[in-house]
Protein backbone atom coordinates (compact mmCIF):
# COMPACT_ATOMS: atom_id res chain seq x y z
CA MET A 1 24.27 26.96 13.47
CA ALA A 2 23.99 24.39 10.65
CA ARG A 3 20.63 24.35 8.87
CA LYS A 4 19.85 20.72 9.61
CA LEU A 5 16.47 19.06 9.13
CA THR A 6 16.23 15.32 9.83
CA ILE A 7 13.39 13.53 8.01
CA LEU A 8 12.29 10.10 9.24
CA TYR A 9 9.60 7.79 7.91
CA GLY A 10 7.69 4.67 8.87
CA SER A 11 6.40 3.16 5.65
CA GLN A 12 4.78 -0.21 4.94
CA SER A 13 4.12 -0.01 1.21
CA GLY A 14 6.33 2.94 0.21
CA THR A 15 3.91 5.88 0.15
CA ALA A 16 5.15 7.44 3.40
CA GLN A 17 8.69 7.08 2.06
CA ASP A 18 7.65 8.88 -1.16
CA LEU A 19 6.25 11.83 0.78
CA ALA A 20 9.25 11.94 3.13
CA GLU A 21 11.58 12.09 0.14
CA GLN A 22 9.47 14.87 -1.36
CA ILE A 23 9.88 16.88 1.86
CA TRP A 24 13.64 16.23 1.66
CA ARG A 25 13.74 17.53 -1.92
CA GLU A 26 11.86 20.69 -1.02
CA SER A 27 14.08 21.23 2.04
CA LYS A 28 16.99 21.78 -0.36
CA MET A 29 15.19 24.82 -1.74
CA TYR A 30 15.49 26.33 1.77
CA HIS A 31 19.16 25.27 2.10
CA PHE A 32 18.57 22.60 4.76
CA ARG A 33 20.87 19.63 5.17
CA GLY A 34 19.93 16.32 6.75
CA ASN A 35 19.18 12.71 5.99
CA VAL A 36 15.90 11.10 4.99
CA LEU A 37 15.78 7.65 6.60
CA PRO A 38 13.48 4.85 7.76
CA MET A 39 12.96 5.36 11.50
CA ASP A 40 14.59 2.05 12.38
CA GLU A 41 17.76 2.96 10.44
CA TYR A 42 18.15 6.15 12.45
CA ASP A 43 20.10 6.09 15.73
CA VAL A 44 17.21 7.19 17.94
CA SER A 45 19.59 8.03 20.78
CA GLU A 46 20.67 11.02 18.65
CA LEU A 47 17.16 12.46 18.67
CA ILE A 48 17.93 14.44 21.83
CA GLY A 49 20.54 16.45 19.90
CA GLU A 50 18.36 17.34 16.91
CA ARG A 51 16.87 20.78 16.39
CA PHE A 52 14.37 20.11 13.58
CA VAL A 53 12.76 16.73 12.86
CA VAL A 54 9.92 15.72 10.55
CA CYS A 55 8.30 12.29 10.91
CA VAL A 56 6.08 10.78 8.21
CA CYS A 57 4.30 7.57 9.19
CA SER A 58 1.47 5.40 7.96
CA THR A 59 -1.10 3.44 9.95
CA TYR A 60 -2.53 0.15 8.80
CA GLY A 61 -5.03 -2.37 10.08
CA GLN A 62 -5.88 -2.16 13.77
CA GLY A 63 -3.72 0.92 14.40
CA GLU A 64 -0.35 -0.75 13.90
CA GLU A 65 2.92 1.02 13.12
CA PRO A 66 4.93 0.02 10.01
CA ASP A 67 7.62 -2.64 10.30
CA ASN A 68 10.47 -0.16 9.79
CA MET A 69 9.25 2.00 12.69
CA LYS A 70 8.83 -0.61 15.43
CA ARG A 71 12.25 -0.31 17.13
CA PHE A 72 12.11 3.51 16.99
CA TRP A 73 8.67 3.53 18.63
CA LYS A 74 9.65 0.97 21.26
CA PHE A 75 12.57 3.20 22.29
CA LEU A 76 10.34 6.27 22.61
CA LEU A 77 8.00 4.37 24.91
CA ARG A 78 10.71 3.75 27.52
CA LYS A 79 9.52 4.94 30.91
CA SER A 80 13.09 5.86 31.84
CA LEU A 81 13.19 8.72 29.31
CA PRO A 82 13.06 12.09 31.12
CA ALA A 83 10.00 14.25 30.43
CA ASP A 84 12.20 17.02 29.04
CA SER A 85 14.39 14.77 26.82
CA LEU A 86 13.40 16.55 23.62
CA ARG A 87 13.07 20.12 24.93
CA ALA A 88 15.43 21.41 22.20
CA VAL A 89 13.60 19.60 19.38
CA HIS A 90 11.08 21.24 17.06
CA PHE A 91 9.10 18.56 15.25
CA GLY A 92 6.35 17.94 12.75
CA VAL A 93 4.38 14.71 12.28
CA LEU A 94 2.55 13.81 9.08
CA GLY A 95 0.30 10.76 9.12
CA LEU A 96 -1.06 8.63 6.29
CA GLY A 97 -4.27 6.76 7.02
CA ASP A 98 -7.69 5.70 5.87
CA SER A 99 -10.79 7.07 7.61
CA ARG A 100 -12.69 3.85 6.91
CA TYR A 101 -10.72 2.29 9.76
CA PRO A 102 -11.69 2.95 13.40
CA LYS A 103 -8.08 3.83 14.32
CA PHE A 104 -7.64 6.42 11.62
CA ASN A 105 -4.05 7.73 11.61
CA TYR A 106 -3.57 6.23 15.07
CA VAL A 107 0.23 5.91 14.69
CA ALA A 108 0.75 9.57 13.74
CA LYS A 109 -1.51 10.76 16.56
CA LYS A 110 0.25 8.72 19.24
CA LEU A 111 3.72 9.65 17.91
CA HIS A 112 2.80 13.37 18.00
CA LYS A 113 1.49 12.96 21.56
CA ARG A 114 4.59 11.06 22.72
CA LEU A 115 7.01 13.65 21.29
CA LEU A 116 5.08 16.34 23.19
CA GLN A 117 5.26 14.26 26.39
CA LEU A 118 9.04 14.13 25.99
CA GLY A 119 9.27 17.92 25.83
CA GLY A 120 9.36 18.42 22.06
CA GLY A 121 7.81 21.50 20.50
CA ALA A 122 5.34 20.97 17.66
CA LEU A 123 6.07 23.18 14.66
CA LEU A 124 2.47 22.71 13.49
CA PRO A 125 -0.53 20.44 14.19
CA VAL A 126 -0.22 16.79 13.21
CA GLY A 127 -1.13 16.33 9.52
CA LEU A 128 -3.75 13.63 8.98
CA CYS A 129 -3.78 12.55 5.33
CA ASP A 130 -6.83 10.50 4.38
CA ASP A 131 -6.81 8.01 1.52
CA GLN A 132 -10.61 8.45 1.32
CA HIS A 133 -10.44 12.15 0.48
CA ASP A 134 -11.52 12.91 -3.08
CA LEU A 135 -8.19 14.62 -3.69
CA GLY A 136 -6.16 11.88 -2.00
CA TYR A 137 -3.28 12.52 0.38
CA GLY A 138 -2.43 15.75 -1.44
CA ALA A 139 -5.47 17.49 0.08
CA VAL A 140 -3.67 17.54 3.45
CA PHE A 141 -0.05 17.06 2.43
CA LEU A 142 0.31 20.11 0.18
CA PRO A 143 -1.05 22.71 2.65
CA TRP A 144 0.77 20.96 5.52
CA ILE A 145 4.17 21.08 3.84
CA ASN A 146 3.67 24.74 2.90
CA GLN A 147 2.87 25.54 6.53
CA LEU A 148 5.97 23.56 7.59
CA TRP A 149 8.25 25.84 5.55
CA THR A 150 6.48 28.91 6.91
CA GLU A 151 6.96 27.82 10.53
CA LEU A 152 10.56 26.79 9.99
CA GLY A 153 11.17 30.15 8.34
CA LYS A 154 10.07 31.93 11.50
CA ILE A 155 12.46 29.96 13.74
CA ALA A 156 15.33 29.56 11.28
CA PRO A 157 15.13 32.33 8.65
CA LEU A 158 17.47 32.15 5.67
CA PRO A 159 20.85 33.75 6.47
CA ALA A 160 21.81 36.97 4.72
CA GLY A 161 22.84 36.32 1.14
CA LEU A 162 20.85 33.09 0.78
CA HIS A 163 17.58 32.97 -1.13
CA ARG A 164 14.98 30.31 -1.62
CA LEU A 165 15.77 28.26 -4.72
CA SER A 166 13.14 28.17 -7.46
CA GLU A 167 13.32 24.36 -7.71
CA SER A 168 14.81 21.41 -5.88
CA PRO A 169 18.03 19.94 -7.27
CA ARG A 170 18.20 16.49 -8.84
CA GLU A 171 19.22 13.70 -6.50
CA TYR A 172 20.50 11.24 -9.12
CA ARG A 173 22.79 11.44 -12.11
CA TRP A 174 23.45 8.71 -14.63
CA HIS A 175 25.71 7.73 -17.46
CA VAL A 176 25.33 5.28 -20.29
CA VAL A 177 27.42 2.16 -19.81
CA THR A 178 26.56 0.54 -23.14
CA THR A 179 24.10 1.13 -25.94
CA ASP A 180 23.51 -1.89 -28.13
CA HIS A 181 20.38 -1.58 -30.27
CA HIS A 182 20.96 -5.06 -31.72
CA ALA A 183 21.56 -6.81 -28.42
CA ASP A 184 19.93 -10.16 -27.76
CA ARG A 185 16.93 -9.25 -25.61
CA SER A 186 16.45 -12.86 -24.58
CA ARG A 187 19.33 -12.40 -22.13
CA ASN A 188 16.99 -10.37 -19.91
CA ILE A 189 14.11 -12.84 -19.93
CA GLY A 190 13.58 -14.14 -16.43
CA PHE A 191 15.84 -11.49 -14.90
CA ASP A 192 14.55 -10.40 -11.50
CA LEU A 193 15.67 -7.01 -10.25
CA TYR A 194 14.79 -7.96 -6.67
CA ALA A 195 16.20 -11.51 -6.64
CA GLU A 196 19.22 -10.53 -4.54
CA LEU A 197 17.27 -8.25 -2.20
CA LYS A 198 17.24 -9.71 1.29
CA MET A 199 13.78 -9.33 2.80
CA PRO A 200 12.70 -10.48 6.25
CA ASN A 201 10.73 -13.68 5.57
CA GLY A 202 11.61 -13.34 1.88
CA PHE A 203 11.71 -16.39 -0.38
CA ARG A 204 11.49 -17.56 -4.00
CA THR A 205 8.50 -19.66 -4.91
CA MET A 206 7.21 -21.50 -7.96
CA VAL A 207 3.66 -21.32 -9.29
CA ARG A 208 1.94 -24.68 -9.02
CA GLU A 209 -1.54 -23.72 -10.28
CA ASN A 210 -3.41 -20.63 -11.47
CA ARG A 211 -7.11 -21.52 -11.48
CA ARG A 212 -10.14 -19.38 -12.23
CA THR A 213 -12.80 -19.71 -9.52
CA THR A 214 -15.58 -17.85 -11.37
CA ALA A 215 -17.65 -19.15 -14.28
CA PRO A 216 -16.10 -18.53 -17.72
CA ASP A 217 -18.98 -16.23 -18.70
CA HIS A 218 -18.97 -14.30 -15.37
CA PHE A 219 -18.07 -10.62 -15.67
CA GLN A 220 -15.25 -10.90 -13.14
CA ASP A 221 -12.23 -13.16 -13.31
CA VAL A 222 -11.11 -14.35 -9.85
CA ARG A 223 -8.07 -16.58 -9.44
CA LEU A 224 -6.95 -19.01 -6.77
CA ILE A 225 -3.18 -19.05 -7.28
CA THR A 226 -1.19 -21.81 -5.65
CA PHE A 227 2.55 -21.51 -4.96
CA GLU A 228 5.03 -24.04 -3.64
CA LYS A 229 5.64 -23.60 0.06
CA SER A 230 9.20 -22.72 1.03
CA PRO A 231 10.49 -24.85 3.94
CA SER A 232 11.93 -21.74 5.59
CA VAL A 233 8.65 -19.82 5.65
CA SER A 234 5.89 -20.09 8.22
CA TRP A 235 2.76 -18.09 8.86
CA SER A 236 -0.34 -17.98 11.01
CA PRO A 237 -3.97 -17.90 9.85
CA GLY A 238 -4.85 -14.49 8.46
CA ASP A 239 -1.26 -13.48 7.60
CA VAL A 240 -0.48 -11.83 4.26
CA LEU A 241 1.75 -12.55 1.28
CA TYR A 242 3.53 -9.61 -0.34
CA VAL A 243 4.55 -9.65 -4.01
CA ARG A 244 6.03 -6.98 -6.28
CA PRO A 245 4.50 -7.02 -9.78
CA HIS A 246 6.03 -6.22 -13.16
CA ASN A 247 4.64 -3.88 -15.78
CA SER A 248 2.94 -5.54 -18.73
CA PRO A 249 4.82 -5.85 -22.06
CA GLU A 250 2.22 -3.45 -23.53
CA SER A 251 3.07 -0.75 -20.97
CA VAL A 252 6.81 -1.16 -21.51
CA ASP A 253 6.30 -1.01 -25.29
CA GLY A 254 4.19 2.12 -24.78
CA LEU A 255 6.98 3.85 -22.86
CA PHE A 256 9.60 3.24 -25.54
CA GLU A 257 7.15 4.29 -28.26
CA ILE A 258 6.73 7.60 -26.40
CA PHE A 259 10.52 7.97 -26.29
CA TYR A 260 10.75 7.32 -30.03
CA ASP A 261 7.81 9.57 -30.97
CA HIS A 262 9.23 12.48 -28.96
CA GLY A 263 12.80 12.17 -30.13
CA ILE A 264 14.19 10.92 -26.79
CA ALA A 265 17.35 8.92 -27.47
CA LEU A 266 16.69 6.16 -24.95
CA HIS A 267 16.40 2.55 -26.05
CA ARG A 268 15.51 -0.74 -24.43
CA ASP A 269 19.09 -1.99 -24.45
CA THR A 270 20.65 1.24 -23.27
CA SER A 271 22.43 0.11 -20.12
CA VAL A 272 22.71 2.87 -17.54
CA GLU A 273 24.38 3.32 -14.19
CA VAL A 274 22.67 5.50 -11.59
CA LYS A 275 24.76 7.52 -9.12
CA ALA A 276 23.70 9.62 -6.14
CA ILE A 277 24.36 13.36 -6.32
CA ASP A 278 23.76 13.82 -2.61
CA SER A 279 24.79 11.25 0.02
CA GLU A 280 21.62 12.11 1.96
CA MET A 281 19.56 10.43 -0.79
CA PRO A 282 21.37 7.19 -1.67
CA VAL A 283 20.52 5.24 -4.80
CA PRO A 284 18.15 2.34 -4.00
CA CYS A 285 20.24 -0.80 -3.59
CA ILE A 286 18.58 -2.57 -6.52
CA LEU A 287 19.76 0.20 -8.88
CA GLN A 288 23.36 0.17 -7.69
CA LYS A 289 24.61 -1.74 -10.72
CA PRO A 290 24.38 -1.12 -14.48
CA LEU A 291 20.95 -2.12 -15.80
CA PRO A 292 19.21 -2.08 -19.19
CA LEU A 293 16.41 0.47 -19.36
CA SER A 294 14.05 -2.34 -20.37
CA ILE A 295 14.50 -3.94 -16.92
CA ILE A 296 14.08 -0.61 -15.10
CA ALA A 297 10.93 0.07 -17.15
CA GLU A 298 9.51 -3.38 -16.52
CA GLN A 299 10.35 -3.89 -12.85
CA TYR A 300 11.10 -0.54 -11.17
CA TRP A 301 9.06 2.32 -12.63
CA ASP A 302 5.29 2.06 -12.12
CA LEU A 303 4.00 2.89 -15.60
CA THR A 304 0.35 2.54 -14.53
CA ALA A 305 0.51 4.93 -11.57
CA ILE A 306 -1.82 7.92 -11.41
CA PRO A 307 0.59 10.86 -11.09
CA ARG A 308 0.53 13.09 -8.03
CA ALA A 309 0.97 16.86 -8.02
CA ARG A 310 4.76 16.64 -7.89
CA ALA A 311 4.89 14.82 -11.25
CA PHE A 312 3.45 17.91 -12.94
CA THR A 313 6.07 20.11 -11.28
CA ILE A 314 8.78 17.87 -12.76
CA LEU A 315 7.19 17.97 -16.21
CA ALA A 316 6.92 21.76 -16.05
CA LYS A 317 10.60 22.34 -15.18
CA LYS A 318 12.05 22.21 -18.70
CA CYS A 319 8.84 22.55 -20.72
CA ASP A 320 9.35 25.09 -23.52
CA ASN A 321 5.66 25.49 -24.37
CA GLU A 322 3.95 28.23 -22.39
CA LEU A 323 0.42 26.78 -22.54
CA GLU A 324 1.55 23.32 -21.43
CA ARG A 325 3.76 24.75 -18.70
CA GLU A 326 0.92 26.89 -17.36
CA LYS A 327 -1.44 23.90 -17.18
CA LEU A 328 1.19 21.69 -15.55
CA LEU A 329 1.91 24.28 -12.87
CA GLU A 330 -1.83 24.64 -12.22
CA PHE A 331 -2.09 20.87 -11.59
CA ALA A 332 0.91 21.11 -9.24
CA SER A 333 -0.55 23.94 -7.15
CA ILE A 334 -2.76 23.70 -4.07
CA GLU A 335 -5.43 25.73 -5.88
CA GLY A 336 -5.39 23.31 -8.82
CA GLN A 337 -6.09 20.10 -6.90
CA GLU A 338 -9.76 19.95 -7.92
CA GLU A 339 -8.70 20.27 -11.57
CA LEU A 340 -6.02 17.63 -11.09
CA PHE A 341 -8.55 15.27 -9.54
CA SER A 342 -10.89 15.67 -12.53
CA TYR A 343 -8.05 15.20 -15.00
CA ALA A 344 -6.08 12.38 -13.38
CA ASN A 345 -7.78 10.66 -10.44
CA ARG A 346 -11.39 10.45 -11.57
CA PRO A 347 -10.66 8.79 -14.95
CA ARG A 348 -7.62 6.95 -13.47
CA ARG A 349 -5.26 8.47 -16.05
CA THR A 350 -1.81 6.84 -16.00
CA ILE A 351 1.55 8.59 -16.14
CA LEU A 352 2.09 7.25 -19.69
CA GLU A 353 -1.16 8.86 -20.81
CA VAL A 354 -0.10 12.13 -19.17
CA LEU A 355 3.15 12.05 -21.16
CA GLN A 356 1.14 11.68 -24.35
CA ASP A 357 -1.09 14.61 -23.37
CA PHE A 358 1.86 16.95 -22.81
CA PRO A 359 4.19 16.31 -25.78
CA HIS A 360 6.30 19.48 -25.40
CA ALA A 361 7.05 18.70 -21.77
CA THR A 362 7.75 15.05 -22.58
CA LYS A 363 10.34 15.76 -25.28
CA CYS A 364 12.28 17.89 -22.76
CA LEU A 365 12.54 15.11 -20.15
CA SER A 366 15.97 13.89 -19.10
CA LEU A 367 16.63 10.46 -17.65
CA GLU A 368 17.47 12.09 -14.30
CA ALA A 369 14.00 13.65 -14.26
CA MET A 370 12.40 10.29 -15.04
CA PHE A 371 13.75 8.79 -11.82
CA GLU A 372 11.74 11.46 -10.00
CA LEU A 373 8.75 11.38 -12.34
CA PHE A 374 8.03 7.65 -12.23
CA GLN A 375 7.05 6.23 -8.86
CA PRO A 376 8.71 2.92 -7.92
CA ILE A 377 6.44 -0.11 -8.18
CA LYS A 378 5.05 -0.77 -4.71
CA PRO A 379 4.50 -4.25 -3.32
CA ARG A 380 0.95 -5.57 -2.98
CA ALA A 381 -0.43 -7.64 -0.13
CA PHE A 382 -2.84 -10.58 -0.36
CA SER A 383 -4.35 -12.56 2.49
CA ILE A 384 -2.97 -16.09 2.58
CA ALA A 385 -5.79 -18.52 1.81
CA SER A 386 -4.11 -21.70 3.02
CA ALA A 387 -2.87 -23.21 6.28
CA ALA A 388 0.78 -23.09 7.32
CA ALA A 389 0.55 -26.84 7.86
CA SER A 390 -0.28 -27.42 4.18
CA SER A 391 2.28 -27.95 1.42
CA THR A 392 1.25 -24.84 -0.51
CA ILE A 393 0.67 -21.13 -0.13
CA GLN A 394 -2.47 -19.79 -1.83
CA ILE A 395 -3.97 -16.38 -2.58
CA LEU A 396 -7.41 -15.43 -3.93
CA VAL A 397 -7.14 -12.58 -6.45
CA ALA A 398 -9.85 -10.57 -8.22
CA ILE A 399 -8.52 -9.43 -11.61
CA ILE A 400 -9.16 -5.70 -11.78
CA GLU A 401 -10.49 -4.28 -15.04
CA TYR A 402 -13.03 -1.51 -15.50
CA LYS A 403 -13.95 1.35 -17.80
CA THR A 404 -13.77 5.10 -17.31
CA LYS A 405 -14.36 7.92 -19.77
CA LEU A 406 -10.99 7.04 -21.31
CA SER A 407 -11.13 4.68 -24.29
CA VAL A 408 -8.70 2.09 -22.94
CA PRO A 409 -10.03 -0.01 -20.01
CA ARG A 410 -8.20 0.42 -16.70
CA ARG A 411 -6.34 -2.66 -15.49
CA GLY A 412 -4.85 -3.46 -12.11
CA LEU A 413 -1.08 -3.71 -12.43
CA CYS A 414 -0.61 -6.52 -9.92
CA SER A 415 -3.75 -8.54 -10.58
CA HIS A 416 -3.05 -8.71 -14.34
CA TRP A 417 0.57 -9.65 -13.69
CA LEU A 418 -0.61 -12.45 -11.39
CA LYS A 419 -3.19 -13.54 -13.95
CA GLN A 420 -0.43 -14.13 -16.52
CA LEU A 421 1.64 -16.36 -14.23
CA LYS A 422 1.90 -19.97 -15.38
CA PRO A 423 2.83 -23.18 -13.57
CA GLY A 424 6.60 -23.29 -13.32
CA ASP A 425 7.05 -19.50 -13.13
CA VAL A 426 9.16 -18.38 -10.17
CA ILE A 427 8.57 -15.14 -8.26
CA GLY A 428 9.90 -13.45 -5.14
CA ALA A 429 7.57 -12.98 -2.16
CA TRP A 430 7.56 -12.40 1.57
CA VAL A 431 5.17 -12.95 4.46
CA ARG A 432 4.18 -10.59 7.24
CA LYS A 433 1.74 -10.64 10.13
CA SER A 434 -1.87 -9.84 9.43
CA THR A 435 -3.79 -7.02 11.02
CA PHE A 436 -6.12 -9.76 12.26
CA GLN A 437 -5.25 -10.99 15.74
CA LEU A 438 -6.92 -14.33 16.46
CA PRO A 439 -7.86 -15.34 20.01
CA ALA A 440 -5.21 -17.36 21.84
CA ASP A 441 -7.87 -19.68 23.28
CA LYS A 442 -8.92 -22.12 20.54
CA LYS A 443 -12.26 -22.63 22.31
CA THR A 444 -13.31 -19.05 21.51
CA PRO A 445 -16.11 -18.97 18.88
CA LEU A 446 -15.21 -17.19 15.63
CA VAL A 447 -17.81 -15.43 13.48
CA MET A 448 -16.21 -14.70 10.10
CA ILE A 449 -17.83 -12.38 7.56
CA GLY A 450 -16.15 -12.44 4.15
CA PRO A 451 -18.07 -11.58 0.97
CA GLY A 452 -16.26 -12.06 -2.35
CA THR A 453 -12.48 -12.33 -2.10
CA GLY A 454 -12.87 -11.29 1.55
CA LEU A 455 -13.18 -15.06 1.98
CA ALA A 456 -9.39 -15.48 1.55
CA PRO A 457 -8.08 -15.10 5.14
CA PHE A 458 -10.87 -17.32 6.44
CA LEU A 459 -9.89 -20.13 4.09
CA GLY A 460 -6.56 -20.14 5.91
CA VAL A 461 -8.30 -20.20 9.30
CA LEU A 462 -10.56 -23.05 8.19
CA GLN A 463 -7.75 -25.10 6.65
CA GLU A 464 -5.70 -24.67 9.82
CA ARG A 465 -8.60 -25.99 11.92
CA GLU A 466 -9.23 -28.86 9.51
CA LEU A 467 -5.59 -29.99 9.52
CA SER A 468 -5.12 -29.57 13.27
CA GLU A 469 -8.15 -31.73 14.15
CA THR A 470 -8.54 -30.04 17.54
CA PRO A 471 -11.62 -31.74 19.07
CA THR A 472 -12.21 -29.11 21.75
CA ALA A 473 -11.94 -26.06 19.46
CA GLY A 474 -14.76 -23.51 19.52
CA PRO A 475 -17.45 -23.15 16.86
CA LEU A 476 -16.69 -21.53 13.49
CA VAL A 477 -19.35 -19.57 11.61
CA LEU A 478 -18.88 -18.08 8.13
CA PHE A 479 -21.11 -15.57 6.38
CA PHE A 480 -20.11 -15.59 2.71
CA GLY A 481 -21.65 -13.52 -0.07
CA CYS A 482 -21.39 -13.43 -3.86
CA ARG A 483 -23.63 -12.70 -6.83
CA SER A 484 -24.65 -16.22 -7.79
CA SER A 485 -24.29 -19.78 -6.50
CA THR A 486 -23.25 -20.86 -10.01
CA ALA A 487 -21.01 -17.94 -11.05
CA ASP A 488 -18.71 -16.84 -8.21
CA PHE A 489 -19.04 -19.21 -5.27
CA HIS A 490 -15.29 -19.38 -4.60
CA CYS A 491 -13.93 -22.64 -3.18
CA GLU A 492 -17.46 -24.04 -2.96
CA ALA A 493 -16.37 -27.68 -2.68
CA ASP A 494 -14.00 -26.96 0.23
CA LEU A 495 -16.58 -24.97 2.18
CA LYS A 496 -19.32 -27.54 1.69
CA ARG A 497 -16.99 -30.36 2.72
CA MET A 498 -16.14 -28.55 5.95
CA GLU A 499 -19.83 -27.87 6.56
CA GLN A 500 -20.71 -31.54 6.03
CA HIS A 501 -17.99 -32.59 8.47
CA GLY A 502 -19.56 -30.36 11.11
CA MET A 503 -16.58 -28.07 11.64
CA LEU A 504 -18.27 -25.04 10.04
CA LYS A 505 -21.68 -23.41 10.09
CA LEU A 506 -22.04 -21.76 6.65
CA PHE A 507 -24.43 -18.99 5.63
CA CYS A 508 -24.35 -17.93 1.96
CA ALA A 509 -25.93 -14.81 0.50
CA PHE A 510 -26.32 -15.05 -3.30
CA SER A 511 -27.39 -11.51 -4.12
CA ARG A 512 -28.66 -12.12 -7.69
CA ASP A 513 -30.22 -15.57 -7.36
CA GLN A 514 -33.66 -14.16 -6.48
CA PRO A 515 -35.69 -11.05 -7.37
CA ASP A 516 -34.71 -9.21 -4.16
CA LYS A 517 -31.01 -8.77 -3.52
CA VAL A 518 -29.72 -10.59 -0.45
CA TYR A 519 -26.40 -9.63 1.16
CA VAL A 520 -24.49 -10.94 4.18
CA GLN A 521 -25.98 -8.25 6.41
CA HIS A 522 -29.49 -9.62 5.70
CA LEU A 523 -28.44 -13.10 6.85
CA ILE A 524 -26.75 -11.66 9.95
CA ARG A 525 -30.02 -9.98 10.99
CA ARG A 526 -31.83 -13.32 10.72
CA GLU A 527 -29.38 -15.15 12.98
CA GLY A 528 -29.83 -13.08 16.14
CA VAL A 529 -30.37 -16.10 18.42
CA LEU A 530 -27.17 -17.83 17.24
CA LEU A 531 -25.08 -14.65 17.35
CA LYS A 532 -26.26 -13.71 20.85
CA LYS A 533 -25.18 -17.09 22.11
CA LEU A 534 -21.77 -17.06 20.38
CA LEU A 535 -20.84 -13.45 21.08
CA ILE A 536 -22.54 -12.53 24.37
CA GLU A 537 -22.83 -15.84 26.21
CA LEU A 538 -19.63 -17.50 24.94
CA GLY A 539 -17.48 -14.37 24.39
CA GLY A 540 -16.90 -14.99 20.68
CA TRP A 541 -14.98 -12.79 18.24
CA VAL A 542 -16.04 -11.24 14.91
CA LEU A 543 -13.69 -10.90 11.92
CA VAL A 544 -14.79 -8.92 8.84
CA SER A 545 -12.90 -9.01 5.54
CA GLY A 546 -13.66 -7.56 2.11
CA SER A 547 -14.49 -4.37 0.25
CA SER A 548 -14.34 -1.20 2.32
CA LYS A 549 -17.05 0.63 0.38
CA ASN A 550 -20.40 -0.04 2.08
CA MET A 551 -20.08 -3.55 3.48
CA PRO A 552 -18.26 -2.95 6.81
CA GLU A 553 -20.70 -0.34 8.08
CA ALA A 554 -23.72 -2.36 6.89
CA VAL A 555 -22.38 -5.45 8.68
CA LYS A 556 -21.77 -3.54 11.91
CA GLU A 557 -25.31 -2.13 11.89
CA ALA A 558 -26.79 -5.55 11.10
CA LEU A 559 -24.86 -7.20 13.93
CA ALA A 560 -26.02 -4.56 16.42
CA GLU A 561 -29.62 -5.22 15.36
CA ALA A 562 -29.17 -9.00 15.50
CA ILE A 563 -27.93 -9.05 19.08
CA GLY A 564 -30.03 -6.02 20.08
CA ASP A 565 -27.13 -4.11 21.61
CA ALA A 566 -25.11 -1.53 19.64
CA GLY A 567 -23.14 -0.72 22.80
CA TYR A 568 -21.93 -4.31 23.02
CA VAL A 569 -20.60 -4.14 19.45
CA GLU A 570 -18.71 -0.93 20.30
CA GLU A 571 -17.26 -2.63 23.36
CA MET A 572 -16.14 -5.54 21.18
CA ILE A 573 -14.36 -3.09 18.88
CA LYS A 574 -12.54 -1.45 21.82
CA THR A 575 -11.40 -4.81 23.20
CA ASN A 576 -10.26 -6.06 19.76
CA ARG A 577 -12.92 -8.79 19.64
CA TYR A 578 -14.39 -7.14 16.52
CA GLN A 579 -11.80 -6.64 13.77
CA GLU A 580 -11.92 -5.51 10.17
CA GLU A 581 -9.49 -6.01 7.30
CA THR A 582 -10.88 -4.14 4.31
CA TRP A 583 -9.59 -2.61 1.09
CA ALA A 584 -10.77 -0.28 -1.68
């Protein structure tokens, strides 16, 4: 019988796809064949004929499945499917989630349960990766994948004469199309690798304004960025805008300096063509034409990513220095994950800095290896801060910059790219539904809690109400928090105008404007009478948006105290009347 292992993924931002592809690579070491595909690109009717299947899926928001898994999941939910449909299938499910959310890894759990209901046999317990774990997803993923190979080995041992390979084969090969060190680099200015990529709800948009909303001397730079609205694009309050950033010129320069310093004969204007070695792992569509390395470095490889364990395995493969190789293999091992966390995750060390730290391994890198070493740049999502009825689409962005023990400050790839955008610049973007689900009845009261840039989705809700002029709409209440009324009161004029017009009841917590710090949870506790009326008597909803660190739990506790009924808050959560959209 053919050694076939089918690997399917449901991925929203690309991380589940990364891990699925890593499983595919390792499967080659055990001589398995089989595709690695998004679930919705797989003919789910063929599932009944599979023997081994691995599913990797993420969960986001209120327990929703990724967009490229929806059709697959809908098919599995058919009541007409016999209970023994998958009796011949051995499966494994790996989930990616965040334990800060109430429905942690909900998609993986329900997929595992449904496959069992249809008669499938679980190779091993569902793997529940947690983004909050100190060691990241690797804390669960690495032991889980090792157990997967062990269990598969029991059911499908290697045939006589075959042995486990020491490393996975490359999936891409390349050849130089042209090398012109004196080429006119201006020809690549404005080139967009993703311009021809057809995305659902995708569009091109021009920057109209990029305005700082914090005081010039405030420690944090926050931007309200306004784009032209595309006539073909619509959205609802709370929906999100996705963009895909570019690396900074400094990062791209740093990569080519590393190439030069380590004797790697790769130049900015070296134009390369990437080809698949194995049809099971096709070349991404955006790389299916000759491209200069400068474009790949700027728009495809994430040069600021913190490398995962696999990156150190790749670096170790051809390393000719025993000390470096030993350290790299330690970082790649399950036992070395604490060391890896201290070296890479805690100080937020980038892949470029790792290459500088391991010069012997770096000088041995081939271009094929780099396509495995560098993670693709993942899209970022921002809550839309404007109404669909307006002529613009806006996002509120905190520019990320902080210090670690490393000498160079850490900078957010996407936020700094957005910061540099100027009026007239054109970017690609797309819109998708929010995890927030607003009540269908406009008379339902809404209590919105959005400190800092958590304000963004509520600006869209408020603008929508202001433009619609619905006289019978229910009351809107906003609890907003920031450090100072004069430093970071985002969109102050808009909020005060809406308050003066009577469409909004506004409560502001300025934490540093008085000796004792005041946060949104303090104001919530004070407004028990109002909140009881809105939530208990009138059946209102609560929406919470902002940092996931301490705020969501503090808000939940404060609300329970304010209305005097923790059980009622829990009931609101179960019935989706209490929703959170938070981020690290």
